[in-house]
C-alpha atoms as a PDB file:
ATOM      1  CA  UNK A   1       0.034  -0.008  -0.045  1.00  0.00           C
ATOM      2  CA  UNK A   2       1.050   3.484  -0.965  1.00  0.00           C
ATOM      3  CA  UNK A   3       2.317   5.581   2.037  1.00  0.00           C
ATOM      4  CA  UNK A   4       0.130   8.399   0.887  1.00  0.00           C
ATOM      5  CA  UNK A   5      -3.059   6.205   0.996  1.00  0.00           C
ATOM      6  CA  UNK A   6      -1.903   4.868   4.395  1.00  0.00           C
ATOM      7  CA  UNK A   7      -1.449   8.427   5.634  1.00  0.00           C
ATOM      8  CA  UNK A   8      -4.887   9.338   4.216  1.00  0.00           C
ATOM      9  CA  UNK A   9      -6.512   6.377   5.880  1.00  0.00           C
ATOM     10  CA  UNK A  10      -5.009   7.266   9.212  1.00  0.00           C
ATOM     11  CA  UNK A  11      -6.156  10.856   8.787  1.00  0.00           C
ATOM     12  CA  UNK A  12      -9.822   9.469   7.872  1.00  0.00           C
ATOM     13  CA  UNK A  13      -9.568   7.122  10.890  1.00  0.00           C
ATOM     14  CA  UNK A  14      -8.546  10.024  13.305  1.00  0.00           C
ATOM     15  CA  UNK A  15     -11.104  12.373  11.832  1.00  0.00           C
ATOM     16  CA  UNK A  16     -13.839   9.505  12.292  1.00  0.00           C
ATOM     17  CA  UNK A  17     -12.558   8.706  15.858  1.00  0.00           C
ATOM     18  CA  UNK A  18     -12.784  12.550  16.692  1.00  0.00           C
ATOM     19  CA  UNK A  19     -16.193  12.901  15.104  1.00  0.00           C
ATOM     20  CA  UNK A  20     -17.286   9.755  17.088  1.00  0.00           C
ATOM     21  CA  UNK A  21     -16.066  11.069  20.359  1.00  0.00           C
ATOM     22  CA  UNK A  22     -17.643  14.595  19.743  1.00  0.00           C
ATOM     23  CA  UNK A  23     -20.988  12.869  18.985  1.00  0.00           C
ATOM     24  CA  UNK A  24     -20.855  10.656  21.938  1.00  0.00           C
ATOM     25  CA  UNK A  25     -20.001  13.749  24.105  1.00  0.00           C
ATOM     26  CA  UNK A  26     -22.773  15.814  22.566  1.00  0.00           C
ATOM     27  CA  UNK A  27     -25.166  12.777  23.207  1.00  0.00           C
ATOM     28  CA  UNK A  28     -24.212  12.750  26.880  1.00  0.00           C
ATOM     29  CA  UNK A  29     -24.290  16.501  27.225  1.00  0.00           C
ATOM     30  CA  UNK A  30     -27.815  16.500  25.682  1.00  0.00           C
ATOM     31  CA  UNK A  31     -28.959  13.808  28.003  1.00  0.00           C
ATOM     32  CA  UNK A  32     -27.653  15.646  30.913  1.00  0.00           C
ATOM     33  CA  UNK A  33     -29.399  18.818  29.786  1.00  0.00           C
ATOM     34  CA  UNK A  34     -32.514  17.022  29.205  1.00  0.00           C
ATOM     35  CA  UNK A  35     -32.470  15.379  32.624  1.00  0.00           C
ATOM     36  CA  UNK A  36     -31.756  18.699  34.297  1.00  0.00           C
ATOM     37  CA  UNK A  37     -34.724  20.278  32.354  1.00  0.00           C
ATOM     38  CA  UNK A  38     -36.882  17.511  33.403  1.00  0.00           C
ATOM     39  CA  UNK A  39     -35.747  17.671  36.992  1.00  0.00           C
ATOM     40  CA  UNK A  40     -36.419  21.574  37.020  1.00  0.00           C
ATOM     41  CA  UNK A  41     -39.784  21.097  35.415  1.00  0.00           C
ATOM     42  CA  UNK A  42     -40.611  18.582  38.066  1.00  0.00           C
ATOM     43  CA  UNK A  43     -39.422  20.824  40.916  1.00  0.00           C
ATOM     44  CA  UNK A  44     -41.381  23.813  39.321  1.00  0.00           C
ATOM     45  CA  UNK A  45     -44.518  21.596  39.199  1.00  0.00           C
ATOM     46  CA  UNK A  46     -44.239  20.441  42.706  1.00  0.00           C
ATOM     47  CA  UNK A  47     -43.776  24.196  43.840  1.00  0.00           C
ATOM     48  CA  UNK A  48     -46.699  25.195  41.866  1.00  0.00           C
ATOM     49  CA  UNK A  49     -48.748  22.370  43.495  1.00  0.00           C
ATOM     50  CA  UNK A  50     -47.696  23.465  46.973  1.00  0.00           C
ATOM     51  CA  UNK A  51     -48.573  27.191  46.130  1.00  0.00           C
ATOM     52  CA  UNK A  52     -52.015  26.024  44.824  1.00  0.00           C
ATOM     53  CA  UNK A  53     -52.636  23.951  48.029  1.00  0.00           C
ATOM     54  CA  UNK A  54     -51.545  26.937  50.205  1.00  0.00           C
ATOM     55  CA  UNK A  55     -53.751  29.370  48.146  1.00  0.00           C
ATOM     56  CA  UNK A  56     -56.662  26.961  48.436  1.00  0.00           C
ATOM     57  CA  UNK A  57     -56.069  26.705  52.113  1.00  0.00           C
ATOM     58  CA  UNK A  58     -55.856  30.484  52.577  1.00  0.00           C
ATOM     59  CA  UNK A  59     -59.018  30.865  50.519  1.00  0.00           C
ATOM     60  CA  UNK A  60     -60.857  28.451  52.636  1.00  0.00           C
ATOM     61  CA  UNK A  61     -59.784  30.048  55.789  1.00  0.00           C
ATOM     62  CA  UNK A  62     -60.885  33.416  54.502  1.00  0.00           C
ATOM     63  CA  UNK A  63     -64.143  32.055  53.366  1.00  0.00           C
ATOM     64  CA  UNK A  64     -64.837  30.476  56.710  1.00  0.00           C
ATOM     65  CA  UNK A  65     -63.740  33.644  58.513  1.00  0.00           C
ATOM     66  CA  UNK A  66     -66.162  35.659  56.240  1.00  0.00           C
ATOM     67  CA  UNK A  67     -69.046  33.115  56.733  1.00  0.00           C
ATOM     68  CA  UNK A  68     -68.492  33.335  60.508  1.00  0.00           C
ATOM     69  CA  UNK A  69     -68.523  37.185  60.279  1.00  0.00           C
ATOM     70  CA  UNK A  70     -71.612  37.238  58.306  1.00  0.00           C
ATOM     71  CA  UNK A  71     -73.241  34.719  60.598  1.00  0.00           C
ATOM     72  CA  UNK A  72     -72.578  36.731  63.599  1.00  0.00           C
ATOM     73  CA  UNK A  73     -73.828  39.921  61.695  1.00  0.00           C
ATOM     74  CA  UNK A  74     -76.914  37.889  60.744  1.00  0.00           C
ATOM     75  CA  UNK A  75     -77.507  36.926  64.235  1.00  0.00           C
ATOM     76  CA  UNK A  76     -76.998  40.394  65.490  1.00  0.00           C
ATOM     77  CA  UNK A  77     -79.434  41.622  62.785  1.00  0.00           C
ATOM     78  CA  UNK A  78     -81.867  39.031  63.922  1.00  0.00           C
ATOM     79  CA  UNK A  79     -81.824  40.150  67.473  1.00  0.00           C
ATOM     80  CA  UNK A  80     -82.098  43.822  66.551  1.00  0.00           C
ATOM     81  CA  UNK A  81     -85.042  42.959  64.293  1.00  0.00           C
ATOM     82  CA  UNK A  82     -86.591  40.979  66.996  1.00  0.00           C
ATOM     83  CA  UNK A  83     -86.219  43.816  69.561  1.00  0.00           C
ATOM     84  CA  UNK A  84     -87.656  46.297  66.969  1.00  0.00           C
ATOM     85  CA  UNK A  85     -90.664  43.999  66.383  1.00  0.00           C
ATOM     86  CA  UNK A  86     -91.294  43.556  70.051  1.00  0.00           C
ATOM     87  CA  UNK A  87     -90.998  47.188  70.546  1.00  0.00           C
ATOM     88  CA  UNK A  88     -93.366  47.990  67.707  1.00  0.00           C
ATOM     89  CA  UNK A  89     -95.815  45.435  68.906  1.00  0.00           C
ATOM     90  CA  UNK A  90     -95.999  47.035  72.452  1.00  0.00           C
ATOM     91  CA  UNK A  91     -96.097  50.551  71.068  1.00  0.00           C
ATOM     92  CA  UNK A  92     -99.549  52.031  70.020  1.00  0.00           C
ATOM     93  CA  UNK A  93     -98.356  53.765  66.824  1.00  0.00           C
ATOM     94  CA  UNK A  94    -101.950  54.101  65.532  1.00  0.00           C
ATOM     95  CA  UNK A  95    -102.674  56.683  68.165  1.00  0.00           C
ATOM     96  CA  UNK A  96     -99.453  58.709  67.841  1.00  0.00           C
ATOM     97  CA  UNK A  97     -99.807  61.467  65.268  1.00  0.00           C
ATOM     98  CA  UNK A  98     -97.087  63.131  63.243  1.00  0.00           C
ATOM     99  CA  UNK A  99     -96.430  66.712  62.124  1.00  0.00           C
ATOM    100  CA  UNK A 100     -97.736  67.609  58.530  1.00  0.00           C
ATOM    101  CA  UNK A 101     -94.305  68.663  57.790  1.00  0.00           C
ATOM    102  CA  UNK A 102     -92.823  65.197  58.058  1.00  0.00           C
ATOM    103  CA  UNK A 103     -95.714  63.807  55.892  1.00  0.00           C
ATOM    104  CA  UNK A 104     -95.019  66.572  53.218  1.00  0.00           C
ATOM    105  CA  UNK A 105     -91.253  65.538  53.207  1.00  0.00           C
ATOM    106  CA  UNK A 106     -92.039  61.986  52.640  1.00  0.00           C
ATOM    107  CA  UNK A 107     -94.566  62.757  49.942  1.00  0.00           C
ATOM    108  CA  UNK A 108     -91.769  64.801  48.197  1.00  0.00           C
ATOM    109  CA  UNK A 109     -89.338  62.066  48.563  1.00  0.00           C
ATOM    110  CA  UNK A 110     -91.615  59.587  47.000  1.00  0.00           C
ATOM    111  CA  UNK A 111     -92.476  62.051  44.297  1.00  0.00           C
ATOM    112  CA  UNK A 112     -96.075  62.371  45.074  1.00  0.00           C
ATOM    113  CA  UNK A 113     -97.542  65.764  44.591  1.00  0.00           C
ATOM    114  CA  UNK A 114    -100.497  66.304  46.981  1.00  0.00           C
ATOM    115  CA  UNK A 115    -101.651  69.673  45.655  1.00  0.00           C
ATOM    116  CA  UNK A 116    -100.522  72.942  46.753  1.00  0.00           C
ATOM    117  CA  UNK A 117     -97.796  73.324  49.355  1.00  0.00           C
ATOM    118  CA  UNK A 118     -99.057  72.743  52.892  1.00  0.00           C
ATOM    119  CA  UNK A 119     -99.398  75.537  55.204  1.00  0.00           C
ATOM    120  CA  UNK A 120     -97.302  74.719  58.299  1.00  0.00           C
ATOM    121  CA  UNK A 121    -100.247  75.604  60.465  1.00  0.00           C
ATOM    122  CA  UNK A 122    -102.715  73.456  58.543  1.00  0.00           C
ATOM    123  CA  UNK A 123    -102.713  69.621  59.556  1.00  0.00           C
ATOM    124  CA  UNK A 124    -102.482  67.341  56.547  1.00  0.00           C
ATOM    125  CA  UNK A 125    -102.509  63.483  56.091  1.00  0.00           C
ATOM    126  CA  UNK A 126     -99.875  61.059  54.975  1.00  0.00           C
ATOM    127  CA  UNK A 127    -100.355  61.793  51.424  1.00  0.00           C
ATOM    128  CA  UNK A 128    -101.006  65.492  51.933  1.00  0.00           C
ATOM    129  CA  UNK A 129    -104.718  65.122  52.541  1.00  0.00           C
ATOM    130  CA  UNK A 130    -106.231  67.581  55.019  1.00  0.00           C
ATOM    131  CA  UNK A 131    -107.457  64.715  57.295  1.00  0.00           C
ATOM    132  CA  UNK A 132    -105.111  65.571  60.026  1.00  0.00           C
ATOM    133  CA  UNK A 133    -101.540  64.509  60.966  1.00  0.00           C
ATOM    134  CA  UNK A 134    -100.150  61.123  59.905  1.00  0.00           C
ATOM    135  CA  UNK A 135     -99.528  58.336  62.304  1.00  0.00           C
ATOM    136  CA  UNK A 136     -96.123  56.716  62.875  1.00  0.00           C
ATOM    137  CA  UNK A 137     -97.483  53.627  61.238  1.00  0.00           C
ATOM    138  CA  UNK A 138     -98.178  55.766  58.053  1.00  0.00           C
ATOM    139  CA  UNK A 139     -94.691  57.220  58.389  1.00  0.00           C
ATOM    140  CA  UNK A 140     -93.108  53.638  58.389  1.00  0.00           C
ATOM    141  CA  UNK A 141     -95.222  52.518  55.612  1.00  0.00           C
ATOM    142  CA  UNK A 142     -94.390  55.541  53.566  1.00  0.00           C
ATOM    143  CA  UNK A 143     -90.722  55.052  54.375  1.00  0.00           C
ATOM    144  CA  UNK A 144     -90.809  51.422  53.414  1.00  0.00           C
ATOM    145  CA  UNK A 145     -92.484  52.363  50.036  1.00  0.00           C
ATOM    146  CA  UNK A 146     -89.923  54.991  49.369  1.00  0.00           C
ATOM    147  CA  UNK A 147     -87.044  52.510  50.035  1.00  0.00           C
ATOM    148  CA  UNK A 148     -88.620  50.092  47.801  1.00  0.00           C
ATOM    149  CA  UNK A 149     -88.797  52.615  45.125  1.00  0.00           C
ATOM    150  CA  UNK A 150     -84.968  53.503  45.674  1.00  0.00           C
ATOM    151  CA  UNK A 151     -84.127  49.875  45.392  1.00  0.00           C
ATOM    152  CA  UNK A 152     -85.828  49.433  42.130  1.00  0.00           C
ATOM    153  CA  UNK A 153     -84.216  52.443  40.647  1.00  0.00           C
ATOM    154  CA  UNK A 154     -80.735  51.363  41.919  1.00  0.00           C
ATOM    155  CA  UNK A 155     -81.372  47.888  40.261  1.00  0.00           C
ATOM    156  CA  UNK A 156     -82.347  49.597  37.078  1.00  0.00           C
ATOM    157  CA  UNK A 157     -79.284  52.022  37.314  1.00  0.00           C
ATOM    158  CA  UNK A 158     -77.107  48.911  37.931  1.00  0.00           C
ATOM    159  CA  UNK A 159     -78.440  47.317  34.814  1.00  0.00           C
ATOM    160  CA  UNK A 160     -77.975  50.261  32.639  1.00  0.00           C
ATOM    161  CA  UNK A 161     -74.485  50.548  33.932  1.00  0.00           C
ATOM    162  CA  UNK A 162     -73.657  46.884  33.146  1.00  0.00           C
ATOM    163  CA  UNK A 163     -75.116  47.300  29.618  1.00  0.00           C
ATOM    164  CA  UNK A 164     -73.117  50.467  29.002  1.00  0.00           C
ATOM    165  CA  UNK A 165     -70.028  48.677  30.187  1.00  0.00           C
ATOM    166  CA  UNK A 166     -70.686  45.536  27.952  1.00  0.00           C
ATOM    167  CA  UNK A 167     -71.506  48.095  25.121  1.00  0.00           C
ATOM    168  CA  UNK A 168     -68.137  49.736  25.689  1.00  0.00           C
ATOM    169  CA  UNK A 169     -66.182  46.456  25.619  1.00  0.00           C
ATOM    170  CA  UNK A 170     -68.127  45.331  22.577  1.00  0.00           C
ATOM    171  CA  UNK A 171     -70.096  42.563  24.252  1.00  0.00           C
ATOM    172  CA  UNK A 172     -73.434  44.266  23.683  1.00  0.00           C
ATOM    173  CA  UNK A 173     -75.294  45.948  21.016  1.00  0.00           C
ATOM    174  CA  UNK A 174     -77.165  49.152  21.319  1.00  0.00           C
ATOM    175  CA  UNK A 175     -80.951  48.902  21.286  1.00  0.00           C
END
């Protein structure tokens, strides 16, 4: 065999050996990187799971605390309502008369026009009638009616605001 061919053969074998070694090294390196990436991903998943469990536990504690606070407020409200009902039951509200100016203010708040403005010296009824002063019972009924009107108007306003927000965000169409 010619020395030149032999030299070329040795060079090719050397290049092949170097390339094989580099390929093996690359494979080992890639396997190590992949293993490290998988280990990091597993650690991140475990940390995410721990955080979600801690978040769920904190949310449950907050919800339980809120439920407890709401229950105590409801109990307090029920006690106060019971006390008021007892006081109203024992009071003789039908016999107590109110000033005509209070009835006039309630009529104005409800948007009821009962004719010409009342003379402060002239007694008027709960809707501005000249029957005499209103009772406390009529005052409470009128106040409840006014509050119901306010709640209905507030609900309508909330609906309008939601519709407008949806319209601004492109989720609703104008009528």
